[in-house]
Amino acid sequence: MPILSLITFASDNDSRSLGQVLWNLGFEYVLIEGEHWLVHGAPHFSRPTVLLLSTLDDGRNELLTLLSGSAGQGVLGVYSCRESERDEAILSRCSDFLAWPCRQGELRAKLQSVFGDPRGSRAGAADSAITGP
């Protein structure tokens, strides 16, 4: 399984808690701050991507453009329901999406649907509610 990009436009707390659960499920990732990525990162989706969303201000139109067409394939959209309403225009351009926090089993199913099973998975923890540290 290639390393995932976790591109986050959400709080540090949500970013850390989602990252920890990804790791617990056997997915390695690189954490990327979304606004910085849009401005300085030559944005593209070069690897499987988990896109953690909250309220987008300046970069929304650019993100919509990047996700248009086939660029959104291999992108799991995750919106922080603690911080914002979901953005249907962005999420509809992702391969799949879900609300965060969610049950571990739901996240596992979405990840496997979009990215397949991680090799050497450390998965198998009980299906419990994920609320962050």
Foldseek 3Di string as FASTA:
>chain_A
DDAEEEEEPDDPQLQVLVQVLCVLFPHHYDYHHHVCCLVPVPDAGPDQYEYEDADDDPCPVVLLVRLPDCRQQNYEYEYEPVHHDDDCSNQVSHPYYDYPPDWSVVVSVVCCVRPNHHPPTNDDDDGDTRDGD
